Amino acid sequence: MTTSDIIIIGSGPGGYRAAAYAAANGLSVTIFEESHAGGTCLNCGCIPTKTLCRNAEVVDTLKKGETFGIDGLSYQLNFGQMISRKNQVVETLRNGVETLLSAPGITLVRQKAHFIDNKTVAAGDETYTAPHIIIATGSKSKMLPVPGIDKPIVMTSTELLDIQAVPQRLCIVGAGVIGMEFASIFSSLGSEVTVVEFLKECLPALDSDVAKRLRQTLGKRGVNFLMQSGVKEVTDTGVIYDRKGKEGAVEADVVLIATGRAARTDGLDLEKAGVAYDRNGITTDEHLRTNVPGIYAIGDVNGRMMLAHAATFQGLHVINHILGKTDNIRLDLIPAAIFTHPEAACVGMTEDQCKAAGINYTCRKGYYRANGKA
């Protein structure tokens, strides 16, 4: 049996940053990763998506060449090169994470780990123990429980990031961050994009005024929105939806399911450790402690805020807690950004949340057109 000060399961932004910080403070760390180092954000989330966002931004700029006094511009999309560039960026950053995890005091085990009891995990034929265990296994795409969800036409964001050609018609189910970013990207690249959303407005975590204006802006760029519409079935040629009691259909070559993400707890054998969890993820307190002393959960797996930098700060907070240090990290004040075109961002409570909580507030509004640089 191998013993260390801390065991970390998962090498995403929360896991690898916690490992590096712990090692820098003299703690020995064993970190487990069954796939590529860097987690969802680096390999099939934030980084590859933002790389394609940049490609889309360049295309949008080229389209407006005459506006900037550049006549005669012509271009041809080489989507294969875009994907190659995306993969190269991911590989470069992944190598950086692996270098970080090769630092003294850190042992990277490239296997899936699962609990034996509340102090022990197993990976392969080996067992490992530590007084502190951090679960940082991230999340996975949620899938709709509707007929046809297993059709070849259906993709998650992970699969769409490796698509070999720009789809002529793209139907996106879900108008959250993932759905809106891909709507912006592929509309810029020439896809006919339709977004089907069950709620009345997109981006429910964003201020409603900002969300509305962002939807309207993407609408002017050609994205079709079907709000308050629920998908009933996926067919070989698209989706069938219900909108206020009326059935409709969207024809598509690809259907992206972007209805959120769920905590990745399968295969961990949490029951053997006695760790409590629910449909939102592993239950934690203000210090990211689970109900079992010595076991913590950070990042997407606890369902608090599914953002890479939130996981990073949660990981730092846990290590500080283990070291007996206090910090000024405000886990309730984590900024979030949506990399559409234009971009949007938020931090803290929205106006609607202040109203619901009975908090007195002052509202101020500014517009892009009032910004000289804009």
Protein backbone atom coordinates (compact mmCIF):
# COMPACT_ATOMS: atom_id res chain seq x y z
CA MET A 1 0.00 0.00 0.00
CA THR A 2 1.28 3.47 -0.95
CA THR A 3 0.87 6.28 1.57
CA SER A 4 0.86 10.02 0.91
CA ASP A 5 -0.43 13.15 2.63
CA ILE A 6 -3.11 13.82 0.03
CA ILE A 7 -4.86 11.76 -2.62
CA ILE A 8 -6.50 13.63 -5.50
CA ILE A 9 -8.80 11.83 -7.92
CA GLY A 10 -8.86 13.78 -11.19
CA SER A 11 -6.30 16.09 -12.83
CA GLY A 12 -8.54 18.88 -14.11
CA PRO A 13 -8.11 22.56 -13.14
CA GLY A 14 -9.12 21.84 -9.56
CA GLY A 15 -7.04 18.70 -9.17
CA TYR A 16 -3.77 19.74 -10.79
CA ARG A 17 -3.74 23.17 -9.17
CA ALA A 18 -4.45 21.68 -5.75
CA ALA A 19 -1.66 19.14 -6.30
CA ALA A 20 0.88 21.80 -7.24
CA TYR A 21 -0.08 24.05 -4.33
CA ALA A 22 0.02 21.18 -1.84
CA ALA A 23 3.44 20.04 -3.07
CA ALA A 24 4.76 23.60 -2.89
CA ASN A 25 3.74 23.57 0.78
CA GLY A 26 5.65 20.38 1.52
CA LEU A 27 2.84 17.83 1.24
CA SER A 28 3.17 14.59 -0.69
CA VAL A 29 0.45 14.08 -3.29
CA THR A 30 -0.78 11.10 -5.28
CA ILE A 31 -3.03 12.21 -8.14
CA PHE A 32 -5.00 9.84 -10.36
CA GLU A 33 -6.03 10.40 -13.97
CA GLU A 34 -7.64 7.77 -16.18
CA SER A 35 -7.50 9.90 -19.34
CA HIS A 36 -5.55 12.98 -20.43
CA ALA A 37 -4.19 15.40 -17.84
CA GLY A 38 -6.03 18.70 -17.70
CA GLY A 39 -9.61 17.48 -17.41
CA THR A 40 -12.64 18.54 -19.41
CA CYS A 41 -11.68 22.21 -19.62
CA LEU A 42 -8.36 21.62 -21.34
CA ASN A 43 -9.17 18.57 -23.46
CA CYS A 44 -12.80 18.90 -24.53
CA GLY A 45 -14.21 22.07 -22.99
CA CYS A 46 -12.99 25.61 -22.41
CA ILE A 47 -9.70 25.55 -24.31
CA PRO A 48 -10.71 23.85 -27.59
CA THR A 49 -13.97 25.81 -27.64
CA LYS A 50 -12.20 29.13 -27.18
CA THR A 51 -9.75 28.16 -29.91
CA LEU A 52 -12.65 27.76 -32.33
CA CYS A 53 -14.13 31.01 -30.99
CA ARG A 54 -10.97 32.76 -32.17
CA ASN A 55 -11.28 31.14 -35.60
CA ALA A 56 -14.87 32.36 -35.84
CA GLU A 57 -13.81 35.85 -34.78
CA VAL A 58 -11.24 35.99 -37.59
CA VAL A 59 -13.88 34.87 -40.11
CA ASP A 60 -16.26 37.59 -38.88
CA THR A 61 -13.52 40.19 -39.27
CA LEU A 62 -12.75 39.06 -42.81
CA LYS A 63 -16.43 39.37 -43.71
CA LYS A 64 -16.26 43.05 -42.75
CA GLY A 65 -13.07 43.83 -44.66
CA GLU A 66 -14.66 46.57 -46.75
CA THR A 67 -15.91 48.29 -43.59
CA PHE A 68 -12.28 48.65 -42.53
CA GLY A 69 -11.24 49.91 -45.95
CA ILE A 70 -9.80 46.62 -47.18
CA ASP A 71 -11.31 45.79 -50.56
CA GLY A 72 -11.07 42.59 -52.55
CA LEU A 73 -10.68 40.21 -49.61
CA SER A 74 -11.53 36.61 -50.35
CA TYR A 75 -11.09 33.53 -48.20
CA GLN A 76 -11.91 29.86 -48.08
CA LEU A 77 -12.56 27.96 -44.88
CA ASN A 78 -10.13 25.14 -44.15
CA PHE A 79 -11.98 23.51 -41.29
CA GLY A 80 -9.50 20.65 -41.12
CA GLN A 81 -6.75 23.16 -40.36
CA MET A 82 -8.95 24.78 -37.71
CA ILE A 83 -9.33 21.43 -35.97
CA SER A 84 -5.60 20.73 -36.31
CA ARG A 85 -4.80 24.10 -34.73
CA LYS A 86 -7.26 23.37 -31.93
CA ASN A 87 -5.60 20.02 -31.28
CA GLN A 88 -2.15 21.59 -31.28
CA VAL A 89 -3.19 24.21 -28.73
CA VAL A 90 -4.67 21.51 -26.50
CA GLU A 91 -1.57 19.33 -26.77
CA THR A 92 0.76 22.21 -25.93
CA LEU A 93 -1.19 23.15 -22.82
CA ARG A 94 -1.63 19.51 -21.81
CA ASN A 95 2.14 19.06 -21.91
CA GLY A 96 2.40 22.03 -19.59
CA VAL A 97 0.03 20.43 -17.08
CA GLU A 98 1.94 17.15 -17.23
CA THR A 99 5.17 19.03 -16.55
CA LEU A 100 3.51 20.66 -13.55
CA LEU A 101 2.47 17.23 -12.26
CA SER A 102 6.03 15.92 -12.56
CA ALA A 103 7.20 18.29 -9.83
CA PRO A 104 8.82 16.88 -6.67
CA GLY A 105 6.24 15.67 -4.18
CA ILE A 106 3.64 14.73 -6.82
CA THR A 107 3.06 11.21 -8.11
CA LEU A 108 0.78 10.94 -11.15
CA VAL A 109 -0.94 7.57 -11.49
CA ARG A 110 -2.51 7.07 -14.92
CA GLN A 111 -5.35 4.81 -13.85
CA LYS A 112 -8.93 5.11 -12.68
CA ALA A 113 -9.22 5.20 -8.89
CA HIS A 114 -12.12 4.05 -6.75
CA PHE A 115 -12.78 3.91 -3.02
CA ILE A 116 -12.13 0.85 -0.88
CA ASP A 117 -13.06 2.69 2.34
CA ASN A 118 -12.97 6.25 3.65
CA LYS A 119 -9.15 6.35 3.76
CA THR A 120 -8.20 4.05 0.91
CA VAL A 121 -8.53 3.97 -2.87
CA ALA A 122 -7.54 1.34 -5.39
CA ALA A 123 -6.20 1.72 -8.91
CA GLY A 124 -5.32 -1.34 -10.93
CA ASP A 125 -3.76 -3.88 -8.58
CA GLU A 126 -2.46 -1.28 -6.13
CA THR A 127 -4.00 0.40 -3.09
CA TYR A 128 -3.28 3.90 -1.80
CA THR A 129 -4.08 5.65 1.45
CA ALA A 130 -3.98 9.22 2.75
CA PRO A 131 -5.52 11.18 5.63
CA HIS A 132 -6.98 13.62 3.09
CA ILE A 133 -8.71 12.66 -0.15
CA ILE A 134 -9.93 15.21 -2.72
CA ILE A 135 -12.48 14.15 -5.32
CA ALA A 136 -12.06 16.23 -8.49
CA THR A 137 -13.55 14.01 -11.19
CA GLY A 138 -15.44 16.75 -13.03
CA SER A 139 -18.62 16.28 -15.03
CA LYS A 140 -20.09 14.72 -18.14
CA SER A 141 -22.72 15.82 -20.67
CA LYS A 142 -26.35 15.30 -19.72
CA MET A 143 -28.44 13.49 -22.31
CA LEU A 144 -32.15 14.03 -22.90
CA PRO A 145 -34.38 11.02 -22.10
CA VAL A 146 -36.21 11.18 -25.44
CA PRO A 147 -36.65 8.68 -28.29
CA GLY A 148 -33.86 8.77 -30.85
CA ILE A 149 -31.22 10.20 -28.54
CA ASP A 150 -28.85 7.45 -29.69
CA LYS A 151 -29.16 8.38 -33.38
CA PRO A 152 -25.87 8.94 -35.26
CA ILE A 153 -26.96 12.52 -35.88
CA VAL A 154 -26.69 13.32 -32.15
CA MET A 155 -23.49 14.73 -30.66
CA THR A 156 -22.29 16.11 -27.35
CA SER A 157 -19.96 19.10 -27.19
CA THR A 158 -17.00 16.71 -26.93
CA GLU A 159 -17.88 15.04 -30.22
CA LEU A 160 -18.72 18.31 -31.98
CA LEU A 161 -15.23 19.59 -31.18
CA ASP A 162 -13.80 16.78 -33.31
CA ILE A 163 -16.26 17.00 -36.20
CA GLN A 164 -14.55 16.82 -39.59
CA ALA A 165 -16.65 19.33 -41.51
CA VAL A 166 -18.86 22.33 -40.78
CA PRO A 167 -22.45 21.04 -40.72
CA GLN A 168 -24.77 22.75 -43.16
CA ARG A 169 -27.62 22.64 -40.64
CA LEU A 170 -26.95 22.50 -36.90
CA CYS A 171 -29.71 22.12 -34.32
CA ILE A 172 -28.63 22.93 -30.77
CA VAL A 173 -30.81 21.69 -27.92
CA GLY A 174 -30.22 24.00 -24.97
CA ALA A 175 -29.45 27.73 -24.77
CA GLY A 176 -27.03 27.67 -21.88
CA VAL A 177 -23.37 28.64 -22.11
CA ILE A 178 -22.34 25.63 -24.20
CA GLY A 179 -25.25 25.95 -26.61
CA MET A 180 -24.85 29.69 -27.09
CA GLU A 181 -21.10 29.52 -27.67
CA PHE A 182 -21.45 26.82 -30.31
CA ALA A 183 -24.34 28.73 -31.91
CA SER A 184 -22.07 31.76 -32.23
CA ILE A 185 -19.12 29.74 -33.55
CA PHE A 186 -20.91 27.71 -36.19
CA SER A 187 -23.13 30.53 -37.41
CA SER A 188 -19.92 32.48 -38.11
CA LEU A 189 -18.49 29.46 -39.93
CA GLY A 190 -21.54 29.24 -42.19
CA SER A 191 -23.90 26.75 -40.54
CA GLU A 192 -27.64 27.31 -40.50
CA VAL A 193 -28.13 27.23 -36.71
CA THR A 194 -31.37 26.64 -34.81
CA VAL A 195 -31.44 26.68 -31.00
CA VAL A 196 -34.27 24.86 -29.22
CA GLU A 197 -34.70 25.93 -25.59
CA PHE A 198 -37.29 24.81 -23.04
CA LEU A 199 -37.10 28.00 -20.96
CA LYS A 200 -38.43 31.45 -21.81
CA GLU A 201 -34.96 32.99 -22.06
CA CYS A 202 -31.43 31.82 -22.76
CA LEU A 203 -28.57 31.77 -20.25
CA PRO A 204 -30.66 31.59 -17.04
CA ALA A 205 -27.64 32.30 -14.82
CA LEU A 206 -27.04 35.62 -16.59
CA ASP A 207 -28.85 38.89 -15.97
CA SER A 208 -32.10 38.63 -17.92
CA ASP A 209 -31.61 41.95 -19.75
CA VAL A 210 -28.14 40.93 -20.91
CA ALA A 211 -29.33 37.45 -21.91
CA LYS A 212 -32.16 38.91 -23.97
CA ARG A 213 -29.89 41.34 -25.81
CA LEU A 214 -27.35 38.63 -26.51
CA ARG A 215 -30.04 36.37 -27.95
CA GLN A 216 -31.34 39.22 -30.11
CA THR A 217 -27.83 39.99 -31.35
CA LEU A 218 -27.21 36.38 -32.36
CA GLY A 219 -30.65 36.38 -33.96
CA LYS A 220 -29.63 39.30 -36.16
CA ARG A 221 -26.59 37.29 -37.21
CA GLY A 222 -28.83 34.49 -38.44
CA VAL A 223 -29.29 32.17 -35.45
CA ASN A 224 -32.89 30.97 -35.18
CA PHE A 225 -34.23 30.59 -31.62
CA LEU A 226 -37.20 28.45 -30.63
CA MET A 227 -37.82 29.41 -27.01
CA GLN A 228 -40.26 27.63 -24.67
CA SER A 229 -39.90 24.56 -26.85
CA GLY A 230 -39.35 21.02 -25.61
CA VAL A 231 -37.75 18.31 -27.73
CA LYS A 232 -40.01 15.27 -28.06
CA GLU A 233 -37.91 13.11 -30.35
CA VAL A 234 -34.73 12.99 -32.39
CA THR A 235 -35.15 11.63 -35.91
CA ASP A 236 -32.69 10.73 -38.65
CA THR A 237 -33.15 14.21 -40.11
CA GLY A 238 -33.46 16.48 -37.06
CA VAL A 239 -35.72 16.96 -34.05
CA ILE A 240 -39.42 17.11 -33.33
CA TYR A 241 -40.39 19.65 -30.68
CA ASP A 242 -43.47 20.88 -28.86
CA ARG A 243 -44.03 24.61 -28.49
CA LYS A 244 -47.01 25.67 -26.42
CA GLY A 245 -48.96 22.61 -27.47
CA LYS A 246 -48.04 22.82 -31.14
CA GLU A 247 -45.68 20.33 -32.71
CA GLY A 248 -42.90 21.41 -35.05
CA ALA A 249 -39.75 20.02 -36.62
CA VAL A 250 -36.21 21.25 -37.21
CA GLU A 251 -34.23 19.65 -40.02
CA ALA A 252 -30.56 19.23 -39.22
CA ASP A 253 -27.44 17.36 -40.23
CA VAL A 254 -26.14 17.45 -36.65
CA VAL A 255 -28.03 17.74 -33.36
CA LEU A 256 -25.95 19.04 -30.46
CA ILE A 257 -27.29 18.15 -27.03
CA ALA A 258 -26.29 21.04 -24.76
CA THR A 259 -28.70 20.61 -21.87
CA GLY A 260 -26.11 20.91 -19.15
CA ARG A 261 -23.61 18.70 -17.39
CA ALA A 262 -23.84 16.20 -14.53
CA ALA A 263 -21.33 15.30 -11.84
CA ARG A 264 -19.08 12.41 -12.82
CA THR A 265 -19.36 10.00 -9.89
CA ASP A 266 -19.79 6.68 -11.69
CA GLY A 267 -17.19 4.09 -10.82
CA LEU A 268 -15.94 5.91 -7.72
CA ASP A 269 -17.72 3.53 -5.32
CA LEU A 270 -18.67 6.45 -3.08
CA GLU A 271 -20.91 4.16 -1.04
CA LYS A 272 -17.87 2.25 0.22
CA ALA A 273 -16.51 5.48 1.66
CA GLY A 274 -19.92 6.62 2.91
CA VAL A 275 -19.82 9.83 0.86
CA ALA A 276 -23.24 11.46 0.38
CA TYR A 277 -24.34 12.77 -2.99
CA ASP A 278 -27.54 13.69 -4.83
CA ARG A 279 -28.65 14.53 -8.37
CA ASN A 280 -26.60 17.77 -8.26
CA GLY A 281 -23.36 16.13 -7.21
CA ILE A 282 -21.40 15.36 -4.06
CA THR A 283 -22.72 17.27 -1.07
CA THR A 284 -20.19 19.68 0.48
CA ASP A 285 -20.05 22.42 3.11
CA GLU A 286 -18.48 25.88 2.94
CA HIS A 287 -14.99 24.36 3.08
CA LEU A 288 -15.79 21.78 0.37
CA ARG A 289 -15.85 18.99 2.97
CA THR A 290 -18.13 16.04 2.35
CA ASN A 291 -20.05 14.33 5.13
CA VAL A 292 -17.03 12.06 5.67
CA PRO A 293 -14.14 13.64 7.63
CA GLY A 294 -11.01 13.93 5.50
CA ILE A 295 -12.80 13.67 2.15
CA TYR A 296 -13.38 16.78 0.02
CA ALA A 297 -15.05 17.38 -3.35
CA ILE A 298 -14.07 20.25 -5.65
CA GLY A 299 -15.08 21.49 -9.08
CA ASP A 300 -17.92 20.23 -11.24
CA VAL A 301 -18.38 17.07 -9.18
CA ASN A 302 -19.90 19.04 -6.29
CA GLY A 303 -22.31 20.87 -8.59
CA ARG A 304 -21.74 24.27 -6.98
CA MET A 305 -20.41 26.16 -9.99
CA MET A 306 -19.29 24.33 -13.11
CA LEU A 307 -16.42 26.61 -14.11
CA ALA A 308 -12.75 25.74 -14.44
CA HIS A 309 -11.50 28.70 -12.42
CA ALA A 310 -14.09 27.97 -9.72
CA ALA A 311 -12.59 24.49 -9.42
CA THR A 312 -9.11 26.02 -9.19
CA PHE A 313 -10.03 28.31 -6.32
CA GLN A 314 -11.94 25.54 -4.57
CA GLY A 315 -8.83 23.38 -4.77
CA LEU A 316 -6.66 26.13 -3.30
CA HIS A 317 -9.19 26.67 -0.52
CA VAL A 318 -9.19 22.97 0.39
CA ILE A 319 -5.39 22.85 0.61
CA ASN A 320 -5.41 25.97 2.79
CA HIS A 321 -8.01 24.32 5.01
CA ILE A 322 -5.87 21.18 5.31
CA LEU A 323 -2.82 23.33 6.15
CA GLY A 324 -4.78 25.27 8.75
CA LYS A 325 -4.43 28.50 6.80
CA THR A 326 -7.13 31.11 6.35
CA ASP A 327 -7.63 32.77 2.99
CA ASN A 328 -9.78 35.48 1.47
CA ILE A 329 -11.19 33.32 -1.31
CA ARG A 330 -14.87 34.16 -1.85
CA LEU A 331 -16.40 31.08 -3.41
CA ASP A 332 -19.67 32.99 -3.84
CA LEU A 333 -18.01 35.66 -5.99
CA ILE A 334 -16.63 33.76 -8.95
CA PRO A 335 -16.86 35.61 -12.29
CA ALA A 336 -18.25 33.82 -15.34
CA ALA A 337 -17.96 34.63 -19.04
CA ILE A 338 -19.78 33.53 -22.18
CA PHE A 339 -17.53 33.61 -25.24
CA THR A 340 -20.12 34.39 -27.85
CA HIS A 341 -19.75 37.28 -30.28
CA PRO A 342 -20.26 39.69 -28.56
CA GLU A 343 -19.08 38.27 -25.26
CA ALA A 344 -20.92 38.56 -21.95
CA ALA A 345 -19.83 38.18 -18.34
CA CYS A 346 -21.17 38.34 -14.81
CA VAL A 347 -20.11 38.19 -11.18
CA GLY A 348 -22.17 38.12 -8.00
CA MET A 349 -25.95 38.25 -7.81
CA THR A 350 -28.19 39.28 -10.70
CA GLU A 351 -30.97 41.83 -10.36
CA ASP A 352 -33.57 39.07 -10.34
CA GLN A 353 -31.71 37.26 -7.55
CA CYS A 354 -31.53 40.46 -5.50
CA LYS A 355 -35.27 40.93 -5.90
CA ALA A 356 -35.98 37.35 -4.86
CA ALA A 357 -33.75 37.74 -1.78
CA GLY A 358 -35.33 41.05 -0.79
CA ILE A 359 -32.02 42.91 -1.08
CA ASN A 360 -32.05 46.65 -1.69
CA TYR A 361 -29.96 47.46 -4.73
CA THR A 362 -29.19 50.13 -7.30
CA CYS A 363 -29.26 49.29 -11.00
CA ARG A 364 -27.10 51.08 -13.56
CA LYS A 365 -27.01 50.31 -17.28
CA GLY A 366 -24.41 51.09 -19.89
CA TYR A 367 -24.35 50.30 -23.59
CA TYR A 368 -21.62 49.12 -25.93
CA ARG A 369 -22.31 52.04 -28.25
CA ALA A 370 -21.36 54.45 -25.44
CA ASN A 371 -17.90 52.88 -25.22
CA GLY A 372 -15.44 54.70 -27.46
CA LYS A 373 -13.38 51.59 -28.17
CA ALA A 374 -16.49 49.63 -29.13
